[in-house]
């Protein structure tokens, strides 16, 4: 099985200032900047047009998805 590396600096580069990522982390994700970066990326790169997200633009959905996706990137030592 292949291993992949997610370059968070490259992901954020040219898209979001570190201060914005940090602000989202503190407001929504208990200070977790990685999840905040995932959220910003998901929110800006995924789209949905279901009636459930008509008024909140799916923000809760993207927050939950970012939190879940973090588990994919956790490194566990043997």
PDB file of N, CA and C in Angstrom:
ATOM      1  N   UNK A   1       0.849  -1.173   0.000  1.00  0.00           N
ATOM      2  CA  UNK A   1       0.000   0.000   0.000  1.00  0.00           C
ATOM      3  C   UNK A   1       0.896   1.239   0.000  1.00  0.00           C
ATOM      4  N   UNK A   2       0.503   2.243  -0.731  1.00  0.00           N
ATOM      5  CA  UNK A   2       1.280   3.478  -0.834  1.00  0.00           C
ATOM      6  C   UNK A   2       1.003   4.399   0.339  1.00  0.00           C
ATOM      7  N   UNK A   3       1.998   5.208   0.677  1.00  0.00           N
ATOM      8  CA  UNK A   3       1.836   6.239   1.696  1.00  0.00           C
ATOM      9  C   UNK A   3       1.940   7.586   1.005  1.00  0.00           C
ATOM     10  N   UNK A   4       1.102   8.504   1.420  1.00  0.00           N
ATOM     11  CA  UNK A   4       1.085   9.836   0.841  1.00  0.00           C
ATOM     12  C   UNK A   4       1.345  10.863   1.928  1.00  0.00           C
ATOM     13  N   UNK A   5       1.922  11.969   1.527  1.00  0.00           N
ATOM     14  CA  UNK A   5       2.198  13.058   2.457  1.00  0.00           C
ATOM     15  C   UNK A   5       1.340  14.249   2.051  1.00  0.00           C
ATOM     16  N   UNK A   6       0.678  14.842   3.013  1.00  0.00           N
ATOM     17  CA  UNK A   6      -0.110  16.042   2.762  1.00  0.00           C
ATOM     18  C   UNK A   6       0.727  17.235   3.195  1.00  0.00           C
ATOM     19  N   UNK A   7       1.132  18.042   2.253  1.00  0.00           N
ATOM     20  CA  UNK A   7       1.956  19.214   2.528  1.00  0.00           C
ATOM     21  C   UNK A   7       1.037  20.379   2.894  1.00  0.00           C
ATOM     22  N   UNK A   8       0.859  20.607   4.184  1.00  0.00           N
ATOM     23  CA  UNK A   8      -0.072  21.644   4.629  1.00  0.00           C
ATOM     24  C   UNK A   8       0.407  23.038   4.247  1.00  0.00           C
ATOM     25  N   UNK A   9       1.714  23.242   4.205  1.00  0.00           N
ATOM     26  CA  UNK A   9       2.225  24.556   3.811  1.00  0.00           C
ATOM     27  C   UNK A   9       1.870  24.850   2.361  1.00  0.00           C
ATOM     28  N   UNK A  10       2.033  23.852   1.508  1.00  0.00           N
ATOM     29  CA  UNK A  10       1.702  24.039   0.095  1.00  0.00           C
ATOM     30  C   UNK A  10       0.198  24.214  -0.090  1.00  0.00           C
ATOM     31  N   UNK A  11      -0.585  23.490   0.689  1.00  0.00           N
ATOM     32  CA  UNK A  11      -2.037  23.595   0.614  1.00  0.00           C
ATOM     33  C   UNK A  11      -2.507  25.005   0.977  1.00  0.00           C
ATOM     34  N   UNK A  12      -1.900  25.580   1.992  1.00  0.00           N
ATOM     35  CA  UNK A  12      -2.297  26.913   2.447  1.00  0.00           C
ATOM     36  C   UNK A  12      -1.676  28.023   1.603  1.00  0.00           C
ATOM     37  N   UNK A  13      -0.519  27.759   1.030  1.00  0.00           N
ATOM     38  CA  UNK A  13       0.235  28.774   0.290  1.00  0.00           C
ATOM     39  C   UNK A  13      -0.601  29.392  -0.829  1.00  0.00           C
ATOM     40  N   UNK A  14      -0.678  30.706  -0.808  1.00  0.00           N
ATOM     41  CA  UNK A  14      -1.424  31.414  -1.840  1.00  0.00           C
ATOM     42  C   UNK A  14      -2.926  31.390  -1.652  1.00  0.00           C
ATOM     43  N   UNK A  15      -3.400  30.693  -0.644  1.00  0.00           N
ATOM     44  CA  UNK A  15      -4.840  30.609  -0.398  1.00  0.00           C
ATOM     45  C   UNK A  15      -5.260  31.320   0.881  1.00  0.00           C
ATOM     46  N   UNK A  16      -4.585  31.012   1.984  1.00  0.00           N
ATOM     47  CA  UNK A  16      -4.989  31.567   3.273  1.00  0.00           C
ATOM     48  C   UNK A  16      -3.770  31.977   4.081  1.00  0.00           C
ATOM     49  N   UNK A  17      -3.888  33.106   4.742  1.00  0.00           N
ATOM     50  CA  UNK A  17      -2.859  33.556   5.679  1.00  0.00           C
ATOM     51  C   UNK A  17      -2.925  32.661   6.922  1.00  0.00           C
ATOM     52  N   UNK A  18      -1.778  32.483   7.559  1.00  0.00           N
ATOM     53  CA  UNK A  18      -1.742  31.653   8.768  1.00  0.00           C
ATOM     54  C   UNK A  18      -2.683  32.208   9.835  1.00  0.00           C
ATOM     55  N   UNK A  19      -2.811  33.538   9.906  1.00  0.00           N
ATOM     56  CA  UNK A  19      -3.692  34.142  10.908  1.00  0.00           C
ATOM     57  C   UNK A  19      -5.154  33.731  10.692  1.00  0.00           C
ATOM     58  N   UNK A  20      -5.559  33.566   9.443  1.00  0.00           N
ATOM     59  CA  UNK A  20      -6.935  33.138   9.158  1.00  0.00           C
ATOM     60  C   UNK A  20      -7.144  31.687   9.571  1.00  0.00           C
ATOM     61  N   UNK A  21      -6.171  30.846   9.275  1.00  0.00           N
ATOM     62  CA  UNK A  21      -6.256  29.439   9.672  1.00  0.00           C
ATOM     63  C   UNK A  21      -6.322  29.342  11.189  1.00  0.00           C
ATOM     64  N   UNK A  22      -5.475  30.112  11.854  1.00  0.00           N
ATOM     65  CA  UNK A  22      -5.437  30.099  13.321  1.00  0.00           C
ATOM     66  C   UNK A  22      -6.770  30.581  13.903  1.00  0.00           C
ATOM     67  N   UNK A  23      -7.351  31.618  13.309  1.00  0.00           N
ATOM     68  CA  UNK A  23      -8.635  32.139  13.792  1.00  0.00           C
ATOM     69  C   UNK A  23      -9.738  31.087  13.662  1.00  0.00           C
ATOM     70  N   UNK A  24      -9.810  30.417  12.523  1.00  0.00           N
ATOM     71  CA  UNK A  24     -10.797  29.344  12.354  1.00  0.00           C
ATOM     72  C   UNK A  24     -10.540  28.218  13.353  1.00  0.00           C
ATOM     73  N   UNK A  25      -9.283  27.901  13.565  1.00  0.00           N
ATOM     74  CA  UNK A  25      -8.943  26.834  14.508  1.00  0.00           C
ATOM     75  C   UNK A  25      -9.458  27.163  15.901  1.00  0.00           C
ATOM     76  N   UNK A  26      -9.244  28.396  16.336  1.00  0.00           N
ATOM     77  CA  UNK A  26      -9.670  28.794  17.679  1.00  0.00           C
ATOM     78  C   UNK A  26     -11.188  28.896  17.788  1.00  0.00           C
ATOM     79  N   UNK A  27     -11.847  29.386  16.739  1.00  0.00           N
ATOM     80  CA  UNK A  27     -13.297  29.576  16.779  1.00  0.00           C
ATOM     81  C   UNK A  27     -14.078  28.272  16.679  1.00  0.00           C
ATOM     82  N   UNK A  28     -13.603  27.359  15.847  1.00  0.00           N
ATOM     83  CA  UNK A  28     -14.439  26.201  15.496  1.00  0.00           C
ATOM     84  C   UNK A  28     -13.867  24.836  15.856  1.00  0.00           C
ATOM     85  N   UNK A  29     -12.561  24.744  16.044  1.00  0.00           N
ATOM     86  CA  UNK A  29     -11.945  23.422  16.141  1.00  0.00           C
ATOM     87  C   UNK A  29     -11.018  23.263  17.343  1.00  0.00           C
ATOM     88  N   UNK A  30     -11.317  23.925  18.430  1.00  0.00           N
ATOM     89  CA  UNK A  30     -10.531  23.799  19.661  1.00  0.00           C
ATOM     90  C   UNK A  30      -9.038  23.996  19.429  1.00  0.00           C
ATOM     91  N   UNK A  31      -8.700  24.928  18.541  1.00  0.00           N
ATOM     92  CA  UNK A  31      -7.302  25.255  18.296  1.00  0.00           C
ATOM     93  C   UNK A  31      -6.577  24.338  17.330  1.00  0.00           C
ATOM     94  N   UNK A  32      -7.262  23.383  16.736  1.00  0.00           N
ATOM     95  CA  UNK A  32      -6.622  22.429  15.825  1.00  0.00           C
ATOM     96  C   UNK A  32      -6.480  23.046  14.432  1.00  0.00           C
ATOM     97  N   UNK A  33      -5.276  23.520  14.118  1.00  0.00           N
ATOM     98  CA  UNK A  33      -5.035  24.207  12.850  1.00  0.00           C
ATOM     99  C   UNK A  33      -5.127  23.267  11.650  1.00  0.00           C
ATOM    100  N   UNK A  34      -4.789  22.016  11.837  1.00  0.00           N
ATOM    101  CA  UNK A  34      -4.877  21.060  10.732  1.00  0.00           C
ATOM    102  C   UNK A  34      -6.326  20.885  10.285  1.00  0.00           C
ATOM    103  N   UNK A  35      -7.224  20.731  11.241  1.00  0.00           N
ATOM    104  CA  UNK A  35      -8.640  20.573  10.910  1.00  0.00           C
ATOM    105  C   UNK A  35      -9.181  21.868  10.301  1.00  0.00           C
ATOM    106  N   UNK A  36      -8.739  23.008  10.802  1.00  0.00           N
ATOM    107  CA  UNK A  36      -9.172  24.288  10.235  1.00  0.00           C
ATOM    108  C   UNK A  36      -8.727  24.414   8.784  1.00  0.00           C
ATOM    109  N   UNK A  37      -7.515  23.984   8.483  1.00  0.00           N
ATOM    110  CA  UNK A  37      -7.021  24.023   7.107  1.00  0.00           C
ATOM    111  C   UNK A  37      -7.830  23.079   6.219  1.00  0.00           C
ATOM    112  N   UNK A  38      -8.121  21.889   6.722  1.00  0.00           N
ATOM    113  CA  UNK A  38      -8.971  20.965   5.961  1.00  0.00           C
ATOM    114  C   UNK A  38     -10.337  21.587   5.690  1.00  0.00           C
ATOM    115  N   UNK A  39     -10.906  22.211   6.722  1.00  0.00           N
ATOM    116  CA  UNK A  39     -12.211  22.863   6.561  1.00  0.00           C
ATOM    117  C   UNK A  39     -12.158  23.927   5.468  1.00  0.00           C
ATOM    118  N   UNK A  40     -11.172  24.817   5.531  1.00  0.00           N
ATOM    119  CA  UNK A  40     -11.069  25.882   4.534  1.00  0.00           C
ATOM    120  C   UNK A  40     -10.917  25.309   3.129  1.00  0.00           C
ATOM    121  N   UNK A  41     -10.113  24.277   3.010  1.00  0.00           N
ATOM    122  CA  UNK A  41      -9.906  23.669   1.699  1.00  0.00           C
ATOM    123  C   UNK A  41     -11.193  23.018   1.194  1.00  0.00           C
ATOM    124  N   UNK A  42     -11.852  22.255   2.066  1.00  0.00           N
ATOM    125  CA  UNK A  42     -13.100  21.595   1.676  1.00  0.00           C
ATOM    126  C   UNK A  42     -14.165  22.615   1.289  1.00  0.00           C
ATOM    127  N   UNK A  43     -14.306  23.639   2.118  1.00  0.00           N
ATOM    128  CA  UNK A  43     -15.344  24.643   1.876  1.00  0.00           C
ATOM    129  C   UNK A  43     -15.124  25.354   0.542  1.00  0.00           C
ATOM    130  N   UNK A  44     -13.880  25.575   0.183  1.00  0.00           N
ATOM    131  CA  UNK A  44     -13.571  26.314  -1.038  1.00  0.00           C
ATOM    132  C   UNK A  44     -13.433  25.432  -2.275  1.00  0.00           C
ATOM    133  N   UNK A  45     -13.349  24.117  -2.112  1.00  0.00           N
ATOM    134  CA  UNK A  45     -13.122  23.249  -3.259  1.00  0.00           C
ATOM    135  C   UNK A  45     -14.216  22.218  -3.514  1.00  0.00           C
ATOM    136  N   UNK A  46     -15.096  21.992  -2.554  1.00  0.00           N
ATOM    137  CA  UNK A  46     -16.220  21.087  -2.748  1.00  0.00           C
ATOM    138  C   UNK A  46     -17.470  21.949  -2.896  1.00  0.00           C
ATOM    139  N   UNK A  47     -18.420  21.473  -3.651  1.00  0.00           N
ATOM    140  CA  UNK A  47     -19.674  22.221  -3.738  1.00  0.00           C
ATOM    141  C   UNK A  47     -20.848  21.257  -3.649  1.00  0.00           C
ATOM    142  N   UNK A  48     -21.939  21.774  -3.149  1.00  0.00           N
ATOM    143  CA  UNK A  48     -23.158  20.999  -3.049  1.00  0.00           C
ATOM    144  C   UNK A  48     -24.329  21.934  -3.283  1.00  0.00           C
ATOM    145  N   UNK A  49     -25.387  21.415  -3.806  1.00  0.00           N
ATOM    146  CA  UNK A  49     -26.553  22.264  -4.081  1.00  0.00           C
ATOM    147  C   UNK A  49     -27.824  21.679  -3.482  1.00  0.00           C
ATOM    148  N   UNK A  50     -27.682  20.937  -2.410  1.00  0.00           N
ATOM    149  CA  UNK A  50     -28.870  20.354  -1.789  1.00  0.00           C
ATOM    150  C   UNK A  50     -29.634  21.417  -1.012  1.00  0.00           C
ATOM    151  N   UNK A  51     -30.914  21.178  -0.818  1.00  0.00           N
ATOM    152  CA  UNK A  51     -31.757  22.154  -0.120  1.00  0.00           C
ATOM    153  C   UNK A  51     -31.341  22.336   1.336  1.00  0.00           C
ATOM    154  N   UNK A  52     -30.692  21.332   1.919  1.00  0.00           N
ATOM    155  CA  UNK A  52     -30.298  21.425   3.324  1.00  0.00           C
ATOM    156  C   UNK A  52     -29.236  22.486   3.571  1.00  0.00           C
ATOM    157  N   UNK A  53     -28.480  22.845   2.548  1.00  0.00           N
ATOM    158  CA  UNK A  53     -27.395  23.811   2.746  1.00  0.00           C
ATOM    159  C   UNK A  53     -27.732  25.178   2.148  1.00  0.00           C
ATOM    160  N   UNK A  54     -28.976  25.396   1.847  1.00  0.00           N
ATOM    161  CA  UNK A  54     -29.390  26.641   1.197  1.00  0.00           C
ATOM    162  C   UNK A  54     -29.038  27.877   2.026  1.00  0.00           C
ATOM    163  N   UNK A  55     -29.171  27.811   3.340  1.00  0.00           N
ATOM    164  CA  UNK A  55     -28.994  29.005   4.168  1.00  0.00           C
ATOM    165  C   UNK A  55     -27.662  29.061   4.906  1.00  0.00           C
ATOM    166  N   UNK A  56     -27.016  27.939   5.111  1.00  0.00           N
ATOM    167  CA  UNK A  56     -25.747  27.962   5.851  1.00  0.00           C
ATOM    168  C   UNK A  56     -24.557  27.574   4.982  1.00  0.00           C
ATOM    169  N   UNK A  57     -24.781  27.421   3.678  1.00  0.00           N
ATOM    170  CA  UNK A  57     -23.725  27.048   2.723  1.00  0.00           C
ATOM    171  C   UNK A  57     -23.012  25.752   3.091  1.00  0.00           C
ATOM    172  N   UNK A  58     -23.634  24.930   3.900  1.00  0.00           N
ATOM    173  CA  UNK A  58     -23.046  23.643   4.250  1.00  0.00           C
ATOM    174  C   UNK A  58     -21.932  23.717   5.266  1.00  0.00           C
ATOM    175  N   UNK A  59     -21.767  24.850   5.932  1.00  0.00           N
ATOM    176  CA  UNK A  59     -20.645  24.999   6.865  1.00  0.00           C
ATOM    177  C   UNK A  59     -20.585  23.886   7.908  1.00  0.00           C
ATOM    178  N   UNK A  60     -21.703  23.538   8.557  1.00  0.00           N
ATOM    179  CA  UNK A  60     -21.631  22.445   9.530  1.00  0.00           C
ATOM    180  C   UNK A  60     -21.172  21.129   8.899  1.00  0.00           C
ATOM    181  N   UNK A  61     -21.630  20.877   7.678  1.00  0.00           N
ATOM    182  CA  UNK A  61     -21.238  19.654   6.987  1.00  0.00           C
ATOM    183  C   UNK A  61     -19.726  19.637   6.753  1.00  0.00           C
ATOM    184  N   UNK A  62     -19.171  20.760   6.307  1.00  0.00           N
ATOM    185  CA  UNK A  62     -17.735  20.824   6.041  1.00  0.00           C
ATOM    186  C   UNK A  62     -16.926  20.731   7.333  1.00  0.00           C
ATOM    187  N   UNK A  63     -17.447  21.305   8.418  1.00  0.00           N
ATOM    188  CA  UNK A  63     -16.753  21.195   9.711  1.00  0.00           C
ATOM    189  C   UNK A  63     -16.677  19.737  10.149  1.00  0.00           C
ATOM    190  N   UNK A  64     -17.797  19.039  10.042  1.00  0.00           N
ATOM    191  CA  UNK A  64     -17.829  17.635  10.437  1.00  0.00           C
ATOM    192  C   UNK A  64     -16.921  16.801   9.538  1.00  0.00           C
ATOM    193  N   UNK A  65     -16.963  17.049   8.240  1.00  0.00           N
ATOM    194  CA  UNK A  65     -16.123  16.312   7.301  1.00  0.00           C
ATOM    195  C   UNK A  65     -14.641  16.549   7.581  1.00  0.00           C
ATOM    196  N   UNK A  66     -14.262  17.780   7.868  1.00  0.00           N
ATOM    197  CA  UNK A  66     -12.860  18.083   8.175  1.00  0.00           C
ATOM    198  C   UNK A  66     -12.404  17.342   9.423  1.00  0.00           C
ATOM    199  N   UNK A  67     -13.260  17.297  10.432  1.00  0.00           N
ATOM    200  CA  UNK A  67     -12.919  16.590  11.667  1.00  0.00           C
ATOM    201  C   UNK A  67     -12.755  15.097  11.410  1.00  0.00           C
ATOM    202  N   UNK A  68     -13.623  14.531  10.594  1.00  0.00           N
ATOM    203  CA  UNK A  68     -13.542  13.105  10.270  1.00  0.00           C
ATOM    204  C   UNK A  68     -12.307  12.804   9.423  1.00  0.00           C
ATOM    205  N   UNK A  69     -12.037  13.661   8.431  1.00  0.00           N
ATOM    206  CA  UNK A  69     -10.890  13.429   7.550  1.00  0.00           C
ATOM    207  C   UNK A  69      -9.560  13.488   8.289  1.00  0.00           C
ATOM    208  N   UNK A  70      -9.521  14.212   9.390  1.00  0.00           N
ATOM    209  CA  UNK A  70      -8.275  14.289  10.155  1.00  0.00           C
ATOM    210  C   UNK A  70      -7.796  12.890  10.530  1.00  0.00           C
ATOM    211  N   UNK A  71      -8.727  12.001  10.797  1.00  0.00           N
ATOM    212  CA  UNK A  71      -8.366  10.631  11.180  1.00  0.00           C
ATOM    213  C   UNK A  71      -7.572   9.926  10.086  1.00  0.00           C
ATOM    214  N   UNK A  72      -7.823  10.280   8.826  1.00  0.00           N
ATOM    215  CA  UNK A  72      -7.084   9.670   7.724  1.00  0.00           C
ATOM    216  C   UNK A  72      -5.607  10.036   7.743  1.00  0.00           C
ATOM    217  N   UNK A  73      -5.301  11.180   8.317  1.00  0.00           N
ATOM    218  CA  UNK A  73      -3.940  11.695   8.266  1.00  0.00           C
ATOM    219  C   UNK A  73      -3.168  11.511   9.564  1.00  0.00           C
ATOM    220  N   UNK A  74      -3.768  10.869  10.562  1.00  0.00           N
ATOM    221  CA  UNK A  74      -3.073  10.640  11.822  1.00  0.00           C
ATOM    222  C   UNK A  74      -1.964   9.619  11.630  1.00  0.00           C
ATOM    223  N   UNK A  75      -0.835   9.930  12.202  1.00  0.00           N
ATOM    224  CA  UNK A  75       0.307   9.014  12.143  1.00  0.00           C
ATOM    225  C   UNK A  75       0.376   8.292  13.475  1.00  0.00           C
ATOM    226  N   UNK A  76       0.394   6.991  13.412  1.00  0.00           N
ATOM    227  CA  UNK A  76       0.469   6.192  14.633  1.00  0.00           C
ATOM    228  C   UNK A  76       1.786   5.442  14.644  1.00  0.00           C
ATOM    229  N   UNK A  77       2.509   5.603  15.736  1.00  0.00           N
ATOM    230  CA  UNK A  77       3.777   4.888  15.893  1.00  0.00           C
ATOM    231  C   UNK A  77       3.504   3.449  16.294  1.00  0.00           C
ATOM    232  N   UNK A  78       4.318   2.551  15.760  1.00  0.00           N
ATOM    233  CA  UNK A  78       4.161   1.130  16.108  1.00  0.00           C
ATOM    234  C   UNK A  78       4.765   0.814  17.449  1.00  0.00           C
TER     235      UNK A  78
END
